[in-house]
Amino acid sequence: MTEETLYRILLWGFILSAVGTLPILLFITAPYGRHTRKGWGPQINATVGWVVMESPSVLAMLACFVVGSQSWNAGGIALLCLWMLHYVNRTYVFPFRRRGGSNKMPLFIAASAFTFTSINGYLQGRHLFTLSGGYGAEWLLDPRFICGAALFLFGWGVNLQSDAILRNLRKPGEKGYKIPTGGLFRYISAPNYFGEILEWTGWAIATWSLPGVAFAFWTFANLAPRALSNHRWYRETFPDYPTNRKALIPGLF
């Protein structure tokens, strides 16, 4: 079996698994964060689990860059910078800054996410630096790259701002949850997820690739149900929760 054949099998399996995951997560809330509960097997430190499960996104992409036949094209390097802008923060900064880092998470969740990020890192990186034929300097002036990169950076900013608002809700030593305010929290319960969906939609446009579209769809399939669960949790937990807020997309749902 050639690598191209294996790649296609992995890519279409990746897409089909997202199609199957979306309806499942609409009925079963993933047990981490505020939704952590018993019955999902052994648990590990949440910070350790987070770093381990996100690391393949950085390492697999770098490995594909090192061995790629089209790695030193200007467009590809620009896309690599966008990827690392998100994932270096998400993997090696965010886990150590967020509140509740000493909490536990199911080992099953960390292992599942590790598998996902390993496959996705390979699919994105191998396409970017070898199978695509390369993204030359002219790609930097293509409207698809410009629009996609702008959407990615806007989503990244929304994600970063929302994480900061959540992180600063509680003072050191405080426990429990509060109603977040400010930023896009004025309109939706999960602007951090909304920002991430915008990022990877921008990535799909900027790379103009099926792997990029697959990842954008996976992001929506994973985060949209969780946004709905968080929105429902907020309404059930806080009687004074703003009634005009939507779950994920301002003005829609």
Protein backbone atom coordinates (compact mmCIF):
# COMPACT_ATOMS: atom_id res chain seq x y z
CA MET A 1 0.00 0.00 0.00
CA THR A 2 1.38 3.39 -0.98
CA GLU A 3 1.36 6.35 1.36
CA GLU A 4 -1.10 8.14 -0.92
CA THR A 5 -3.57 5.26 -0.55
CA LEU A 6 -3.11 5.14 3.22
CA TYR A 7 -3.55 8.91 3.36
CA ARG A 8 -6.86 8.76 1.47
CA ILE A 9 -8.14 5.99 3.73
CA LEU A 10 -7.24 7.97 6.84
CA LEU A 11 -8.74 11.17 5.45
CA TRP A 12 -12.10 9.66 4.51
CA GLY A 13 -12.22 7.70 7.76
CA PHE A 14 -11.53 10.99 9.56
CA ILE A 15 -14.44 12.66 7.76
CA LEU A 16 -16.86 9.78 8.33
CA SER A 17 -15.97 9.63 12.03
CA ALA A 18 -16.89 13.32 12.37
CA VAL A 19 -20.25 12.63 10.72
CA GLY A 20 -20.86 9.89 13.29
CA THR A 21 -19.54 11.86 16.26
CA LEU A 22 -21.78 14.91 15.88
CA PRO A 23 -25.11 13.16 16.66
CA ILE A 24 -23.52 11.13 19.46
CA LEU A 25 -22.23 14.25 21.24
CA LEU A 26 -25.64 15.87 20.95
CA PHE A 27 -26.90 13.21 23.37
CA ILE A 28 -23.78 12.35 25.40
CA THR A 29 -21.78 15.21 26.91
CA ALA A 30 -18.03 14.55 26.95
CA PRO A 31 -16.96 14.14 30.62
CA TYR A 32 -14.34 16.84 31.12
CA GLY A 33 -14.30 20.33 32.61
CA ARG A 34 -17.55 21.23 34.37
CA HIS A 35 -19.09 18.05 32.98
CA THR A 36 -16.57 15.68 34.58
CA ARG A 37 -18.28 12.70 36.20
CA LYS A 38 -17.52 9.22 37.42
CA GLY A 39 -17.96 6.11 35.35
CA TRP A 40 -15.45 6.88 32.60
CA GLY A 41 -12.50 4.89 33.96
CA PRO A 42 -9.17 6.02 35.46
CA GLN A 43 -8.47 9.72 35.73
CA ILE A 44 -5.26 11.72 35.38
CA ASN A 45 -4.14 15.26 36.17
CA ALA A 46 -5.97 17.59 33.78
CA THR A 47 -2.91 19.71 32.96
CA VAL A 48 -0.75 16.69 32.18
CA GLY A 49 -3.55 15.19 30.13
CA TRP A 50 -4.06 18.41 28.19
CA VAL A 51 -0.37 18.78 27.27
CA VAL A 52 -0.07 15.14 26.25
CA MET A 53 -3.22 15.07 24.14
CA GLU A 54 -2.47 18.33 22.30
CA SER A 55 1.27 17.79 21.72
CA PRO A 56 0.88 15.76 18.49
CA SER A 57 -0.66 18.83 16.86
CA VAL A 58 2.70 20.55 17.25
CA LEU A 59 5.03 17.57 16.89
CA ALA A 60 3.34 15.85 13.95
CA MET A 61 3.17 19.11 12.01
CA LEU A 62 6.87 19.78 12.67
CA ALA A 63 7.78 16.23 11.64
CA CYS A 64 5.88 16.65 8.37
CA PHE A 65 7.71 19.92 7.81
CA VAL A 66 11.12 18.32 8.40
CA VAL A 67 10.55 15.40 6.03
CA GLY A 68 8.36 17.21 3.49
CA SER A 69 9.41 17.68 -0.11
CA GLN A 70 7.75 21.12 -0.36
CA SER A 71 8.53 22.52 3.09
CA TRP A 72 10.38 25.69 2.20
CA ASN A 73 7.73 27.33 0.07
CA ALA A 74 6.69 30.76 1.38
CA GLY A 75 2.98 29.98 1.42
CA GLY A 76 3.49 26.75 3.32
CA ILE A 77 5.65 28.47 5.93
CA ALA A 78 2.99 31.16 6.38
CA LEU A 79 0.36 28.47 6.95
CA LEU A 80 2.70 26.70 9.37
CA CYS A 81 2.99 29.95 11.34
CA LEU A 82 -0.80 30.20 11.60
CA TRP A 83 -1.01 26.61 12.83
CA MET A 84 1.71 27.13 15.44
CA LEU A 85 0.18 30.44 16.55
CA HIS A 86 -2.81 28.47 17.76
CA TYR A 87 -1.26 25.21 18.90
CA VAL A 88 1.84 26.38 20.76
CA ASN A 89 -0.47 28.46 22.94
CA ARG A 90 -3.11 25.75 23.19
CA THR A 91 -0.59 23.04 24.09
CA TYR A 92 2.14 24.67 26.16
CA VAL A 93 0.69 27.95 27.50
CA PHE A 94 -3.07 27.63 27.99
CA PRO A 95 -3.00 24.51 30.25
CA PHE A 96 -0.71 26.20 32.76
CA ARG A 97 -2.68 29.45 32.91
CA ARG A 98 -6.24 28.16 33.21
CA ARG A 99 -7.97 27.72 36.56
CA GLY A 100 -8.60 24.18 37.76
CA GLY A 101 -5.42 22.76 36.29
CA SER A 102 -5.05 20.41 39.24
CA ASN A 103 -8.42 18.80 38.55
CA LYS A 104 -8.75 15.36 37.02
CA MET A 105 -9.83 14.23 33.56
CA PRO A 106 -10.62 10.74 32.31
CA LEU A 107 -7.65 8.95 30.78
CA PHE A 108 -10.05 7.81 28.05
CA ILE A 109 -10.63 11.43 26.96
CA ALA A 110 -6.90 12.20 26.89
CA ALA A 111 -6.14 9.03 24.91
CA SER A 112 -8.95 9.68 22.44
CA ALA A 113 -7.80 13.27 21.90
CA PHE A 114 -4.18 12.12 21.52
CA THR A 115 -5.26 9.75 18.74
CA PHE A 116 -7.27 12.51 17.07
CA THR A 117 -4.50 15.11 17.15
CA SER A 118 -1.94 12.58 15.91
CA ILE A 119 -4.04 11.70 12.87
CA ASN A 120 -5.09 15.28 12.20
CA GLY A 121 -1.54 16.61 12.55
CA TYR A 122 -0.38 14.06 10.01
CA LEU A 123 -3.24 14.76 7.59
CA GLN A 124 -2.75 18.53 7.70
CA GLY A 125 1.05 18.49 7.70
CA ARG A 126 1.56 15.85 5.05
CA HIS A 127 -0.82 17.66 2.72
CA LEU A 128 0.74 21.02 3.43
CA PHE A 129 4.37 20.06 2.89
CA THR A 130 4.25 17.18 0.39
CA LEU A 131 0.99 16.00 -1.15
CA SER A 132 -0.33 19.44 -2.11
CA GLY A 133 2.67 20.08 -4.36
CA GLY A 134 3.51 23.10 -2.24
CA TYR A 135 2.15 26.58 -1.57
CA GLY A 136 4.44 29.04 -3.32
CA ALA A 137 4.95 32.74 -2.65
CA GLU A 138 2.12 33.56 -5.07
CA TRP A 139 -0.32 31.86 -2.69
CA LEU A 140 0.23 34.70 -0.22
CA LEU A 141 -1.54 37.04 -2.66
CA ASP A 142 -4.38 34.66 -3.47
CA PRO A 143 -7.78 35.90 -2.20
CA ARG A 144 -8.40 32.47 -0.64
CA PHE A 145 -5.29 32.75 1.51
CA ILE A 146 -5.94 36.39 2.40
CA CYS A 147 -9.58 35.81 3.38
CA GLY A 148 -8.84 32.55 5.16
CA ALA A 149 -5.90 33.94 7.12
CA ALA A 150 -7.93 37.01 8.13
CA LEU A 151 -10.77 34.81 9.39
CA PHE A 152 -8.29 32.57 11.21
CA LEU A 153 -6.67 35.53 12.98
CA PHE A 154 -10.02 37.03 13.91
CA GLY A 155 -11.16 33.70 15.38
CA TRP A 156 -7.84 33.34 17.19
CA GLY A 157 -8.34 36.76 18.77
CA VAL A 158 -11.90 35.87 19.85
CA ASN A 159 -10.65 32.60 21.31
CA LEU A 160 -7.81 34.27 23.20
CA GLN A 161 -10.03 37.05 24.59
CA SER A 162 -12.69 34.58 25.70
CA ASP A 163 -10.14 32.35 27.44
CA ALA A 164 -8.81 35.39 29.30
CA ILE A 165 -12.30 36.37 30.46
CA LEU A 166 -12.95 32.86 31.75
CA ARG A 167 -9.54 32.68 33.40
CA ASN A 168 -10.08 35.95 35.27
CA LEU A 169 -13.59 35.14 36.55
CA ARG A 170 -12.22 33.75 39.79
CA LYS A 171 -9.58 35.21 42.03
CA PRO A 172 -6.74 32.95 43.22
CA GLY A 173 -8.12 30.46 45.73
CA GLU A 174 -11.74 30.91 44.67
CA LYS A 175 -13.75 27.90 43.57
CA GLY A 176 -17.03 27.44 41.79
CA TYR A 177 -18.41 29.02 38.62
CA LYS A 178 -19.61 32.50 37.75
CA ILE A 179 -21.46 34.03 34.82
CA PRO A 180 -18.88 35.35 32.33
CA THR A 181 -19.39 38.82 30.89
CA GLY A 182 -17.68 40.99 28.31
CA GLY A 183 -16.50 40.31 24.78
CA LEU A 184 -18.78 38.00 22.83
CA PHE A 185 -20.11 36.62 26.11
CA ARG A 186 -22.64 39.44 25.73
CA TYR A 187 -24.24 37.44 22.94
CA ILE A 188 -23.28 33.75 23.31
CA SER A 189 -22.34 31.30 26.03
CA ALA A 190 -19.32 29.81 24.23
CA PRO A 191 -17.37 32.48 22.32
CA ASN A 192 -14.17 30.51 22.92
CA TYR A 193 -15.64 27.67 20.87
CA PHE A 194 -17.06 30.09 18.32
CA GLY A 195 -13.60 31.59 17.88
CA GLU A 196 -12.03 28.19 17.36
CA ILE A 197 -14.64 27.23 14.76
CA LEU A 198 -13.86 30.48 12.92
CA GLU A 199 -10.15 29.69 13.08
CA TRP A 200 -10.40 26.31 11.42
CA THR A 201 -12.97 27.51 8.91
CA GLY A 202 -10.38 30.13 7.98
CA TRP A 203 -7.75 27.39 7.82
CA ALA A 204 -9.92 25.40 5.40
CA ILE A 205 -10.21 28.47 3.15
CA ALA A 206 -6.54 29.46 3.46
CA THR A 207 -5.33 25.95 2.57
CA TRP A 208 -8.18 25.35 0.08
CA SER A 209 -7.92 21.65 0.85
CA LEU A 210 -10.09 18.67 1.74
CA PRO A 211 -8.02 17.99 4.90
CA GLY A 212 -8.67 21.58 5.96
CA VAL A 213 -12.41 21.20 5.37
CA ALA A 214 -12.38 17.91 7.27
CA PHE A 215 -10.75 19.55 10.29
CA ALA A 216 -13.16 22.49 10.21
CA PHE A 217 -16.09 20.09 10.16
CA TRP A 218 -14.57 18.02 12.99
CA THR A 219 -14.14 21.19 15.05
CA PHE A 220 -17.82 22.03 14.61
CA ALA A 221 -18.89 18.43 15.30
CA ASN A 222 -16.93 18.42 18.56
CA LEU A 223 -17.54 21.94 19.86
CA ALA A 224 -21.12 22.73 18.80
CA PRO A 225 -22.65 19.99 21.02
CA ARG A 226 -20.41 21.05 23.89
CA ALA A 227 -21.49 24.68 23.47
CA LEU A 228 -25.12 23.57 23.68
CA SER A 229 -24.34 21.54 26.82
CA ASN A 230 -22.56 24.50 28.45
CA HIS A 231 -25.44 26.82 27.53
CA ARG A 232 -27.95 24.44 29.08
CA TRP A 233 -25.75 24.07 32.18
CA TYR A 234 -25.50 27.84 32.64
CA ARG A 235 -29.29 28.23 32.41
CA GLU A 236 -29.90 25.41 34.88
CA THR A 237 -27.23 26.63 37.33
CA PHE A 238 -27.89 30.39 37.34
CA PRO A 239 -31.53 31.57 37.56
CA ASP A 240 -30.41 35.07 36.52
CA TYR A 241 -28.52 33.92 33.44
CA PRO A 242 -29.10 36.38 30.55
CA THR A 243 -32.06 35.13 28.53
CA ASN A 244 -30.94 36.87 25.34
CA ARG A 245 -27.73 34.86 25.00
CA LYS A 246 -27.49 32.16 22.38
CA ALA A 247 -25.30 29.09 22.76
CA LEU A 248 -22.74 29.38 19.98
CA ILE A 249 -23.56 31.72 17.08
CA PRO A 250 -24.75 35.28 17.84
CA GLY A 251 -28.39 35.75 16.91
CA LEU A 252 -28.87 32.16 15.68
CA PHE A 253 -28.42 29.41 18.28
